Full PDB file with SEQRES, HELIX, SHEET, SSBOND, CRYST1, ORIGX, SCALE, CONECT and MASTER records, all heavy atoms in Angstrom:
SEQRES   1 A   41  TRP GLY ALA VAL ASP GLY SER GLY ASN CYS ASN PRO THR          
SEQRES   2 A   41  ASN SER VAL THR ALA THR LYS THR GLY PHE GLN VAL ALA          
SEQRES   3 A   41  GLY THR ASN GLU TYR GLN TRP LYS ALA LYS LEU SER LEU          
SEQRES   4 A   41  GLY THR                                                      
SHEET    1 AA1 2 THR A  19  VAL A  25  0                                        
SHEET    2 AA1 2 THR A  28  LYS A  34 -1                                        
CRYST1    1.000    1.000    1.000  90.00  90.00  90.00 P 1           1          
ORIGX1      1.000000  0.000000  0.000000        0.00000                         
ORIGX2      0.000000  1.000000  0.000000        0.00000                         
ORIGX3      0.000000  0.000000  1.000000        0.00000                         
SCALE1      1.000000  0.000000  0.000000        0.00000                         
SCALE2      0.000000  1.000000  0.000000        0.00000                         
SCALE3      0.000000  0.000000  1.000000        0.00000                         
ATOM      1  N   TRP A   1      -4.629  -4.590   3.356  1.00  0.00           N  
ATOM      2  CA  TRP A   1      -5.277  -5.314   2.268  1.00  0.00           C  
ATOM      3  C   TRP A   1      -6.084  -6.474   2.816  1.00  0.00           C  
ATOM      4  O   TRP A   1      -5.929  -6.898   3.957  1.00  0.00           O  
ATOM      5  CB  TRP A   1      -4.242  -5.801   1.253  1.00  0.00           C  
ATOM      6  CG  TRP A   1      -3.547  -7.089   1.619  1.00  0.00           C  
ATOM      7  CD1 TRP A   1      -3.851  -8.342   1.190  1.00  0.00           C  
ATOM      8  CD2 TRP A   1      -2.436  -7.245   2.496  1.00  0.00           C  
ATOM      9  NE1 TRP A   1      -3.001  -9.268   1.738  1.00  0.00           N  
ATOM     10  CE2 TRP A   1      -2.112  -8.616   2.545  1.00  0.00           C  
ATOM     11  CE3 TRP A   1      -1.659  -6.360   3.262  1.00  0.00           C  
ATOM     12  CZ2 TRP A   1      -1.081  -9.129   3.317  1.00  0.00           C  
ATOM     13  CZ3 TRP A   1      -0.622  -6.864   4.027  1.00  0.00           C  
ATOM     14  CH2 TRP A   1      -0.347  -8.221   4.047  1.00  0.00           C  
ATOM     15  N   GLY A   2      -6.945  -6.977   1.970  1.00  0.00           N  
ATOM     16  CA  GLY A   2      -7.762  -8.133   2.321  1.00  0.00           C  
ATOM     17  C   GLY A   2      -8.290  -8.774   1.064  1.00  0.00           C  
ATOM     18  O   GLY A   2      -8.198  -8.221  -0.034  1.00  0.00           O  
ATOM     19  N   ALA A   3      -8.863  -9.967   1.201  1.00  0.00           N  
ATOM     20  CA  ALA A   3      -9.413 -10.706   0.065  1.00  0.00           C  
ATOM     21  C   ALA A   3     -10.855 -10.288  -0.192  1.00  0.00           C  
ATOM     22  O   ALA A   3     -11.612 -10.023   0.746  1.00  0.00           O  
ATOM     23  CB  ALA A   3      -9.328 -12.207   0.304  1.00  0.00           C  
ATOM     24  N   VAL A   4     -11.224 -10.226  -1.452  1.00  0.00           N  
ATOM     25  CA  VAL A   4     -12.594  -9.921  -1.845  1.00  0.00           C  
ATOM     26  C   VAL A   4     -13.417 -11.204  -1.751  1.00  0.00           C  
ATOM     27  O   VAL A   4     -13.017 -12.253  -2.262  1.00  0.00           O  
ATOM     28  CB  VAL A   4     -12.637  -9.361  -3.275  1.00  0.00           C  
ATOM     29  CG1 VAL A   4     -14.081  -9.094  -3.704  1.00  0.00           C  
ATOM     30  CG2 VAL A   4     -11.801  -8.084  -3.366  1.00  0.00           C  
ATOM     31  N   ASP A   5     -14.575 -11.126  -1.096  1.00  0.00           N  
ATOM     32  CA  ASP A   5     -15.395 -12.331  -0.949  1.00  0.00           C  
ATOM     33  C   ASP A   5     -16.289 -12.538  -2.170  1.00  0.00           C  
ATOM     34  O   ASP A   5     -16.267 -11.758  -3.130  1.00  0.00           O  
ATOM     35  CB  ASP A   5     -16.213 -12.278   0.342  1.00  0.00           C  
ATOM     36  CG  ASP A   5     -17.255 -11.164   0.362  1.00  0.00           C  
ATOM     37  OD1 ASP A   5     -17.673 -10.701  -0.716  1.00  0.00           O  
ATOM     38  OD2 ASP A   5     -17.672 -10.766   1.470  1.00  0.00           O  
ATOM     39  N   GLY A   6     -17.093 -13.592  -2.123  1.00  0.00           N  
ATOM     40  CA  GLY A   6     -17.922 -13.958  -3.263  1.00  0.00           C  
ATOM     41  C   GLY A   6     -18.970 -12.929  -3.618  1.00  0.00           C  
ATOM     42  O   GLY A   6     -19.501 -12.942  -4.732  1.00  0.00           O  
ATOM     43  N   SER A   7     -19.271 -12.037  -2.700  1.00  0.00           N  
ATOM     44  CA  SER A   7     -20.262 -10.996  -2.966  1.00  0.00           C  
ATOM     45  C   SER A   7     -19.633  -9.685  -3.420  1.00  0.00           C  
ATOM     46  O   SER A   7     -20.325  -8.680  -3.583  1.00  0.00           O  
ATOM     47  CB  SER A   7     -21.099 -10.743  -1.703  1.00  0.00           C  
ATOM     48  OG  SER A   7     -21.778 -11.926  -1.312  1.00  0.00           O  
ATOM     49  N   GLY A   8     -18.306  -9.703  -3.565  1.00  0.00           N  
ATOM     50  CA  GLY A   8     -17.607  -8.496  -3.981  1.00  0.00           C  
ATOM     51  C   GLY A   8     -17.230  -7.577  -2.851  1.00  0.00           C  
ATOM     52  O   GLY A   8     -16.728  -6.470  -3.084  1.00  0.00           O  
ATOM     53  N   ASN A   9     -17.440  -8.011  -1.604  1.00  0.00           N  
ATOM     54  CA  ASN A   9     -17.081  -7.197  -0.451  1.00  0.00           C  
ATOM     55  C   ASN A   9     -15.641  -7.458  -0.031  1.00  0.00           C  
ATOM     56  O   ASN A   9     -15.112  -8.549  -0.223  1.00  0.00           O  
ATOM     57  CB  ASN A   9     -18.019  -7.505   0.719  1.00  0.00           C  
ATOM     58  CG  ASN A   9     -19.461  -7.229   0.372  1.00  0.00           C  
ATOM     59  OD1 ASN A   9     -19.792  -6.180  -0.175  1.00  0.00           O  
ATOM     60  ND2 ASN A   9     -20.344  -8.184   0.675  1.00  0.00           N  
ATOM     61  N   CYS A  10     -15.024  -6.462   0.568  1.00  0.00           N  
ATOM     62  CA  CYS A  10     -13.619  -6.606   0.976  1.00  0.00           C  
ATOM     63  C   CYS A  10     -13.350  -5.759   2.199  1.00  0.00           C  
ATOM     64  O   CYS A  10     -13.746  -4.584   2.253  1.00  0.00           O  
ATOM     65  CB  CYS A  10     -12.693  -6.183  -0.168  1.00  0.00           C  
ATOM     66  SG  CYS A  10     -10.947  -6.506   0.159  1.00  0.00           S  
ATOM     67  N   ASN A  11     -12.703  -6.338   3.177  1.00  0.00           N  
ATOM     68  CA  ASN A  11     -12.327  -5.632   4.404  1.00  0.00           C  
ATOM     69  C   ASN A  11     -10.809  -5.712   4.551  1.00  0.00           C  
ATOM     70  O   ASN A  11     -10.275  -6.750   4.958  1.00  0.00           O  
ATOM     71  CB  ASN A  11     -13.013  -6.262   5.615  1.00  0.00           C  
ATOM     72  CG  ASN A  11     -12.721  -5.494   6.891  1.00  0.00           C  
ATOM     73  OD1 ASN A  11     -12.311  -4.338   6.857  1.00  0.00           O  
ATOM     74  ND2 ASN A  11     -12.935  -6.146   8.032  1.00  0.00           N  
ATOM     75  N   PRO A  12     -10.081  -4.660   4.190  1.00  0.00           N  
ATOM     76  CA  PRO A  12      -8.614  -4.710   4.240  1.00  0.00           C  
ATOM     77  C   PRO A  12      -8.075  -4.589   5.663  1.00  0.00           C  
ATOM     78  O   PRO A  12      -7.842  -3.490   6.172  1.00  0.00           O  
ATOM     79  CB  PRO A  12      -8.197  -3.511   3.379  1.00  0.00           C  
ATOM     80  CG  PRO A  12      -9.333  -2.554   3.496  1.00  0.00           C  
ATOM     81  CD  PRO A  12     -10.572  -3.385   3.654  1.00  0.00           C  
ATOM     82  N   THR A  13      -7.864  -5.725   6.318  1.00  0.00           N  
ATOM     83  CA  THR A  13      -7.410  -5.734   7.713  1.00  0.00           C  
ATOM     84  C   THR A  13      -5.953  -6.119   7.876  1.00  0.00           C  
ATOM     85  O   THR A  13      -5.353  -5.831   8.912  1.00  0.00           O  
ATOM     86  CB  THR A  13      -8.269  -6.696   8.539  1.00  0.00           C  
ATOM     87  OG1 THR A  13      -8.215  -8.001   7.956  1.00  0.00           O  
ATOM     88  CG2 THR A  13      -9.721  -6.222   8.586  1.00  0.00           C  
ATOM     89  N   ASN A  14      -5.361  -6.810   6.884  1.00  0.00           N  
ATOM     90  CA  ASN A  14      -3.938  -7.141   6.970  1.00  0.00           C  
ATOM     91  C   ASN A  14      -3.112  -5.879   6.741  1.00  0.00           C  
ATOM     92  O   ASN A  14      -3.402  -5.098   5.829  1.00  0.00           O  
ATOM     93  CB  ASN A  14      -3.565  -8.182   5.910  1.00  0.00           C  
ATOM     94  CG  ASN A  14      -4.408  -9.431   6.009  1.00  0.00           C  
ATOM     95  OD1 ASN A  14      -4.273 -10.200   6.937  1.00  0.00           O  
ATOM     96  ND2 ASN A  14      -5.311  -9.608   5.036  1.00  0.00           N  
ATOM     97  N   SER A  15      -2.095  -5.676   7.562  1.00  0.00           N  
ATOM     98  CA  SER A  15      -1.341  -4.428   7.489  1.00  0.00           C  
ATOM     99  C   SER A  15       0.148  -4.694   7.310  1.00  0.00           C  
ATOM    100  O   SER A  15       0.684  -5.668   7.846  1.00  0.00           O  
ATOM    101  CB  SER A  15      -1.570  -3.600   8.763  1.00  0.00           C  
ATOM    102  OG  SER A  15      -0.889  -2.360   8.691  1.00  0.00           O  
ATOM    103  N   VAL A  16       0.812  -3.827   6.546  1.00  0.00           N  
ATOM    104  CA  VAL A  16       2.257  -3.912   6.367  1.00  0.00           C  
ATOM    105  C   VAL A  16       2.824  -2.494   6.375  1.00  0.00           C  
ATOM    106  O   VAL A  16       2.217  -1.558   5.849  1.00  0.00           O  
ATOM    107  CB  VAL A  16       2.622  -4.629   5.053  1.00  0.00           C  
ATOM    108  CG1 VAL A  16       2.085  -3.891   3.847  1.00  0.00           C  
ATOM    109  CG2 VAL A  16       4.121  -4.831   4.941  1.00  0.00           C  
ATOM    110  N   THR A  17       3.975  -2.348   7.023  1.00  0.00           N  
ATOM    111  CA  THR A  17       4.639  -1.047   7.080  1.00  0.00           C  
ATOM    112  C   THR A  17       5.290  -0.725   5.745  1.00  0.00           C  
ATOM    113  O   THR A  17       5.892  -1.595   5.110  1.00  0.00           O  
ATOM    114  CB  THR A  17       5.693  -1.033   8.191  1.00  0.00           C  
ATOM    115  OG1 THR A  17       5.057  -1.302   9.446  1.00  0.00           O  
ATOM    116  CG2 THR A  17       6.414   0.305   8.262  1.00  0.00           C  
ATOM    117  N   ALA A  18       5.183   0.512   5.306  1.00  0.00           N  
ATOM    118  CA  ALA A  18       5.774   0.960   4.046  1.00  0.00           C  
ATOM    119  C   ALA A  18       7.110   1.649   4.308  1.00  0.00           C  
ATOM    120  O   ALA A  18       7.383   2.143   5.409  1.00  0.00           O  
ATOM    121  CB  ALA A  18       4.823   1.920   3.335  1.00  0.00           C  
ATOM    122  N   THR A  19       7.944   1.678   3.284  1.00  0.00           N  
ATOM    123  CA  THR A  19       9.205   2.415   3.338  1.00  0.00           C  
ATOM    124  C   THR A  19       9.102   3.631   2.435  1.00  0.00           C  
ATOM    125  O   THR A  19       8.323   3.652   1.480  1.00  0.00           O  
ATOM    126  CB  THR A  19      10.385   1.534   2.887  1.00  0.00           C  
ATOM    127  OG1 THR A  19      10.146   1.084   1.539  1.00  0.00           O  
ATOM    128  CG2 THR A  19      10.544   0.339   3.802  1.00  0.00           C  
ATOM    129  N   LYS A  20       9.897   4.658   2.742  1.00  0.00           N  
ATOM    130  CA  LYS A  20       9.785   5.923   2.015  1.00  0.00           C  
ATOM    131  C   LYS A  20      11.137   6.378   1.488  1.00  0.00           C  
ATOM    132  O   LYS A  20      12.192   6.040   2.035  1.00  0.00           O  
ATOM    133  CB  LYS A  20       9.201   7.003   2.919  1.00  0.00           C  
ATOM    134  CG  LYS A  20      10.110   7.440   4.058  1.00  0.00           C  
ATOM    135  CD  LYS A  20       9.452   8.507   4.912  1.00  0.00           C  
ATOM    136  CE  LYS A  20      10.397   9.054   5.982  1.00  0.00           C  
ATOM    137  NZ  LYS A  20      10.817   8.024   6.955  1.00  0.00           N  
ATOM    138  N   THR A  21      11.087   7.161   0.414  1.00  0.00           N  
ATOM    139  CA  THR A  21      12.262   7.804  -0.161  1.00  0.00           C  
ATOM    140  C   THR A  21      11.873   9.211  -0.565  1.00  0.00           C  
ATOM    141  O   THR A  21      10.836   9.417  -1.221  1.00  0.00           O  
ATOM    142  CB  THR A  21      12.763   7.035  -1.402  1.00  0.00           C  
ATOM    143  OG1 THR A  21      13.047   5.690  -1.037  1.00  0.00           O  
ATOM    144  CG2 THR A  21      14.020   7.687  -1.964  1.00  0.00           C  
ATOM    145  N   GLY A  22      12.673  10.178  -0.202  1.00  0.00           N  
ATOM    146  CA  GLY A  22      12.378  11.558  -0.544  1.00  0.00           C  
ATOM    147  C   GLY A  22      12.676  11.866  -2.004  1.00  0.00           C  
ATOM    148  O   GLY A  22      13.623  11.337  -2.587  1.00  0.00           O  
ATOM    149  N   PHE A  23      11.863  12.722  -2.613  1.00  0.00           N  
ATOM    150  CA  PHE A  23      12.096  13.192  -3.977  1.00  0.00           C  
ATOM    151  C   PHE A  23      11.378  14.518  -4.133  1.00  0.00           C  
ATOM    152  O   PHE A  23      10.697  14.986  -3.219  1.00  0.00           O  
ATOM    153  CB  PHE A  23      11.608  12.170  -5.007  1.00  0.00           C  
ATOM    154  CG  PHE A  23      10.103  12.079  -5.124  1.00  0.00           C  
ATOM    155  CD1 PHE A  23       9.440  12.657  -6.196  1.00  0.00           C  
ATOM    156  CD2 PHE A  23       9.340  11.425  -4.158  1.00  0.00           C  
ATOM    157  CE1 PHE A  23       8.059  12.585  -6.304  1.00  0.00           C  
ATOM    158  CE2 PHE A  23       7.958  11.351  -4.261  1.00  0.00           C  
ATOM    159  CZ  PHE A  23       7.317  11.933  -5.336  1.00  0.00           C  
ATOM    160  N   GLN A  24      11.519  15.149  -5.301  1.00  0.00           N  
ATOM    161  CA  GLN A  24      10.889  16.437  -5.550  1.00  0.00           C  
ATOM    162  C   GLN A  24      10.129  16.428  -6.866  1.00  0.00           C  
ATOM    163  O   GLN A  24      10.576  15.836  -7.851  1.00  0.00           O  
ATOM    164  CB  GLN A  24      11.925  17.566  -5.603  1.00  0.00           C  
ATOM    165  CG  GLN A  24      12.531  17.923  -4.265  1.00  0.00           C  
ATOM    166  CD  GLN A  24      13.387  19.183  -4.366  1.00  0.00           C  
ATOM    167  OE1 GLN A  24      13.903  19.519  -5.429  1.00  0.00           O  
ATOM    168  NE2 GLN A  24      13.534  19.894  -3.253  1.00  0.00           N  
ATOM    169  N   VAL A  25       8.987  17.092  -6.869  1.00  0.00           N  
ATOM    170  CA  VAL A  25       8.257  17.408  -8.086  1.00  0.00           C  
ATOM    171  C   VAL A  25       8.181  18.919  -8.180  1.00  0.00           C  
ATOM    172  O   VAL A  25       7.608  19.568  -7.295  1.00  0.00           O  
ATOM    173  CB  VAL A  25       6.843  16.794  -8.081  1.00  0.00           C  
ATOM    174  CG1 VAL A  25       6.019  17.319  -9.258  1.00  0.00           C  
ATOM    175  CG2 VAL A  25       6.905  15.279  -8.126  1.00  0.00           C  
ATOM    176  N   ALA A  26       8.809  19.475  -9.209  1.00  0.00           N  
ATOM    177  CA  ALA A  26       8.801  20.929  -9.418  1.00  0.00           C  
ATOM    178  C   ALA A  26       9.231  21.682  -8.156  1.00  0.00           C  
ATOM    179  O   ALA A  26       8.640  22.708  -7.798  1.00  0.00           O  
ATOM    180  CB  ALA A  26       7.428  21.389  -9.893  1.00  0.00           C  
ATOM    181  N   GLY A  27      10.237  21.162  -7.460  1.00  0.00           N  
ATOM    182  CA  GLY A  27      10.772  21.811  -6.274  1.00  0.00           C  
ATOM    183  C   GLY A  27      10.025  21.525  -4.988  1.00  0.00           C  
ATOM    184  O   GLY A  27      10.441  21.982  -3.919  1.00  0.00           O  
ATOM    185  N   THR A  28       8.945  20.767  -5.048  1.00  0.00           N  
ATOM    186  CA  THR A  28       8.165  20.417  -3.857  1.00  0.00           C  
ATOM    187  C   THR A  28       8.651  19.093  -3.293  1.00  0.00           C  
ATOM    188  O   THR A  28       8.728  18.094  -4.017  1.00  0.00           O  
ATOM    189  CB  THR A  28       6.670  20.305  -4.202  1.00  0.00           C  
ATOM    190  OG1 THR A  28       6.212  21.555  -4.722  1.00  0.00           O  
ATOM    191  CG2 THR A  28       5.855  19.935  -2.973  1.00  0.00           C  
ATOM    192  N   ASN A  29       8.984  19.068  -2.009  1.00  0.00           N  
ATOM    193  CA  ASN A  29       9.463  17.843  -1.364  1.00  0.00           C  
ATOM    194  C   ASN A  29       8.303  16.884  -1.108  1.00  0.00           C  
ATOM    195  O   ASN A  29       7.271  17.273  -0.561  1.00  0.00           O  
ATOM    196  CB  ASN A  29      10.136  18.180  -0.027  1.00  0.00           C  
ATOM    197  CG  ASN A  29      11.437  18.926  -0.217  1.00  0.00           C  
ATOM    198  OD1 ASN A  29      12.197  18.649  -1.147  1.00  0.00           O  
ATOM    199  ND2 ASN A  29      11.704  19.892   0.653  1.00  0.00           N  
ATOM    200  N   GLU A  30       8.503  15.635  -1.509  1.00  0.00           N  
ATOM    201  CA  GLU A  30       7.488  14.607  -1.300  1.00  0.00           C  
ATOM    202  C   GLU A  30       8.168  13.320  -0.855  1.00  0.00           C  
ATOM    203  O   GLU A  30       9.394  13.195  -0.909  1.00  0.00           O  
ATOM    204  CB  GLU A  30       6.690  14.373  -2.593  1.00  0.00           C  
ATOM    205  CG  GLU A  30       5.979  15.612  -3.112  1.00  0.00           C  
ATOM    206  CD  GLU A  30       5.142  15.351  -4.352  1.00  0.00           C  
ATOM    207  OE1 GLU A  30       4.803  14.178  -4.605  1.00  0.00           O  
ATOM    208  OE2 GLU A  30       4.822  16.319  -5.070  1.00  0.00           O  
ATOM    209  N   TYR A  31       7.360  12.361  -0.437  1.00  0.00           N  
ATOM    210  CA  TYR A  31       7.841  11.015  -0.129  1.00  0.00           C  
ATOM    211  C   TYR A  31       7.234  10.028  -1.116  1.00  0.00           C  
ATOM    212  O   TYR A  31       6.020  10.042  -1.356  1.00  0.00           O  
ATOM    213  CB  TYR A  31       7.429  10.585   1.281  1.00  0.00           C  
ATOM    214  CG  TYR A  31       8.213  11.209   2.410  1.00  0.00           C  
ATOM    215  CD1 TYR A  31       7.557  11.650   3.562  1.00  0.00           C  
ATOM    216  CD2 TYR A  31       9.597  11.329   2.356  1.00  0.00           C  
ATOM    217  CE1 TYR A  31       8.263  12.200   4.628  1.00  0.00           C  
ATOM    218  CE2 TYR A  31      10.309  11.896   3.405  1.00  0.00           C  
ATOM    219  CZ  TYR A  31       9.643  12.333   4.531  1.00  0.00           C  
ATOM    220  OH  TYR A  31      10.339  12.879   5.585  1.00  0.00           O  
ATOM    221  N   GLN A  32       8.084   9.188  -1.682  1.00  0.00           N  
ATOM    222  CA  GLN A  32       7.620   8.039  -2.457  1.00  0.00           C  
ATOM    223  C   GLN A  32       7.594   6.839  -1.523  1.00  0.00           C  
ATOM    224  O   GLN A  32       8.594   6.528  -0.870  1.00  0.00           O  
ATOM    225  CB  GLN A  32       8.563   7.778  -3.639  1.00  0.00           C  
ATOM    226  CG  GLN A  32       8.192   6.591  -4.498  1.00  0.00           C  
ATOM    227  CD  GLN A  32       7.002   6.861  -5.414  1.00  0.00           C  
ATOM    228  OE1 GLN A  32       6.605   7.994  -5.635  1.00  0.00           O  
ATOM    229  NE2 GLN A  32       6.418   5.800  -5.940  1.00  0.00           N  
ATOM    230  N   TRP A  33       6.443   6.154  -1.452  1.00  0.00           N  
ATOM    231  CA  TRP A  33       6.262   5.034  -0.534  1.00  0.00           C  
ATOM    232  C   TRP A  33       6.086   3.731  -1.318  1.00  0.00           C  
ATOM    233  O   TRP A  33       5.558   3.735  -2.432  1.00  0.00           O  
ATOM    234  CB  TRP A  33       5.010   5.234   0.323  1.00  0.00           C  
ATOM    235  CG  TRP A  33       5.052   6.435   1.221  1.00  0.00           C  
ATOM    236  CD1 TRP A  33       4.681   7.717   0.909  1.00  0.00           C  
ATOM    237  CD2 TRP A  33       5.486   6.460   2.583  1.00  0.00           C  
ATOM    238  NE1 TRP A  33       4.850   8.540   1.992  1.00  0.00           N  
ATOM    239  CE2 TRP A  33       5.348   7.798   3.038  1.00  0.00           C  
ATOM    240  CE3 TRP A  33       5.965   5.496   3.472  1.00  0.00           C  
ATOM    241  CZ2 TRP A  33       5.666   8.185   4.336  1.00  0.00           C  
ATOM    242  CZ3 TRP A  33       6.277   5.877   4.765  1.00  0.00           C  
ATOM    243  CH2 TRP A  33       6.140   7.208   5.184  1.00  0.00           C  
ATOM    244  N   LYS A  34       6.511   2.625  -0.700  1.00  0.00           N  
ATOM    245  CA  LYS A  34       6.188   1.317  -1.264  1.00  0.00           C  
ATOM    246  C   LYS A  34       5.964   0.334  -0.130  1.00  0.00           C  
ATOM    247  O   LYS A  34       6.602   0.404   0.919  1.00  0.00           O  
ATOM    248  CB  LYS A  34       7.274   0.812  -2.210  1.00  0.00           C  
ATOM    249  CG  LYS A  34       8.577   0.391  -1.566  1.00  0.00           C  
ATOM    250  CD  LYS A  34       9.524  -0.221  -2.601  1.00  0.00           C  
ATOM    251  CE  LYS A  34      10.798  -0.740  -1.955  1.00  0.00           C  
ATOM    252  NZ  LYS A  34      11.716  -1.358  -2.953  1.00  0.00           N  
ATOM    253  N   ALA A  35       5.034  -0.581  -0.363  1.00  0.00           N  
ATOM    254  CA  ALA A  35       4.713  -1.621   0.612  1.00  0.00           C  
ATOM    255  C   ALA A  35       4.512  -2.927  -0.139  1.00  0.00           C  
ATOM    256  O   ALA A  35       3.724  -2.986  -1.094  1.00  0.00           O  
ATOM    257  CB  ALA A  35       3.450  -1.258   1.392  1.00  0.00           C  
ATOM    258  N   LYS A  36       5.214  -3.946   0.275  1.00  0.00           N  
ATOM    259  CA  LYS A  36       5.084  -5.256  -0.360  1.00  0.00           C  
ATOM    260  C   LYS A  36       3.998  -6.053   0.344  1.00  0.00           C  
ATOM    261  O   LYS A  36       4.059  -6.290   1.548  1.00  0.00           O  
ATOM    262  CB  LYS A  36       6.405  -6.025  -0.309  1.00  0.00           C  
ATOM    263  CG  LYS A  36       6.338  -7.398  -0.965  1.00  0.00           C  
ATOM    264  CD  LYS A  36       7.679  -8.105  -0.915  1.00  0.00           C  
ATOM    265  CE  LYS A  36       7.601  -9.498  -1.526  1.00  0.00           C  
ATOM    266  NZ  LYS A  36       8.905 -10.214  -1.477  1.00  0.00           N  
ATOM    267  N   LEU A  37       2.981  -6.474  -0.423  1.00  0.00           N  
ATOM    268  CA  LEU A  37       1.907  -7.286   0.106  1.00  0.00           C  
ATOM    269  C   LEU A  37       2.208  -8.749  -0.182  1.00  0.00           C  
ATOM    270  O   LEU A  37       2.311  -9.152  -1.339  1.00  0.00           O  
ATOM    271  CB  LEU A  37       0.565  -6.910  -0.525  1.00  0.00           C  
ATOM    272  CG  LEU A  37       0.195  -5.419  -0.575  1.00  0.00           C  
ATOM    273  CD1 LEU A  37      -1.238  -5.263  -1.073  1.00  0.00           C  
ATOM    274  CD2 LEU A  37       0.392  -4.751   0.767  1.00  0.00           C  
ATOM    275  N   SER A  38       2.385  -9.546   0.864  1.00  0.00           N  
ATOM    276  CA  SER A  38       2.585 -10.989   0.714  1.00  0.00           C  
ATOM    277  C   SER A  38       1.220 -11.647   0.853  1.00  0.00           C  
ATOM    278  O   SER A  38       0.761 -11.937   1.957  1.00  0.00           O  
ATOM    279  CB  SER A  38       3.568 -11.491   1.772  1.00  0.00           C  
ATOM    280  OG  SER A  38       4.839 -10.872   1.593  1.00  0.00           O  
ATOM    281  N   LEU A  39       0.592 -11.889  -0.267  1.00  0.00           N  
ATOM    282  CA  LEU A  39      -0.813 -12.264  -0.289  1.00  0.00           C  
ATOM    283  C   LEU A  39      -1.052 -13.689   0.182  1.00  0.00           C  
ATOM    284  O   LEU A  39      -2.083 -13.999   0.754  1.00  0.00           O  
ATOM    285  CB  LEU A  39      -1.364 -12.082  -1.703  1.00  0.00           C  
ATOM    286  CG  LEU A  39      -1.128 -10.682  -2.305  1.00  0.00           C  
ATOM    287  CD1 LEU A  39      -1.518 -10.663  -3.768  1.00  0.00           C  
ATOM    288  CD2 LEU A  39      -1.887  -9.626  -1.531  1.00  0.00           C  
ATOM    289  N   GLY A  40      -0.114 -14.573  -0.121  1.00  0.00           N  
ATOM    290  CA  GLY A  40      -0.197 -15.939   0.371  1.00  0.00           C  
ATOM    291  C   GLY A  40      -1.133 -16.838  -0.404  1.00  0.00           C  
ATOM    292  O   GLY A  40      -1.156 -18.044  -0.191  1.00  0.00           O  
ATOM    293  N   THR A  41      -1.925 -16.289  -1.308  1.00  0.00           N  
ATOM    294  CA  THR A  41      -2.857 -17.093  -2.074  1.00  0.00           C  
ATOM    295  C   THR A  41      -3.206 -16.358  -3.349  1.00  0.00           C  
ATOM    296  O   THR A  41      -2.855 -15.174  -3.515  1.00  0.00           O  
ATOM    297  CB  THR A  41      -4.147 -17.372  -1.273  1.00  0.00           C  
ATOM    298  OG1 THR A  41      -4.984 -18.252  -2.023  1.00  0.00           O  
ATOM    299  CG2 THR A  41      -4.895 -16.087  -0.976  1.00  0.00           C  
TER     300      THR A  41                                                      
MASTER        0    0    0    0    2    0    0    6  299    1    0    4          
END                                                                             
């Protein structure tokens, strides 16, 4: 993620590792992911 500047541009360079949990949709195995962004501002 990154902050949007005054011109509406954004370069998402901050990175955070996500965690995963397995689940199924209609018998298909998938991963549900989540990542907490600590924006600081």
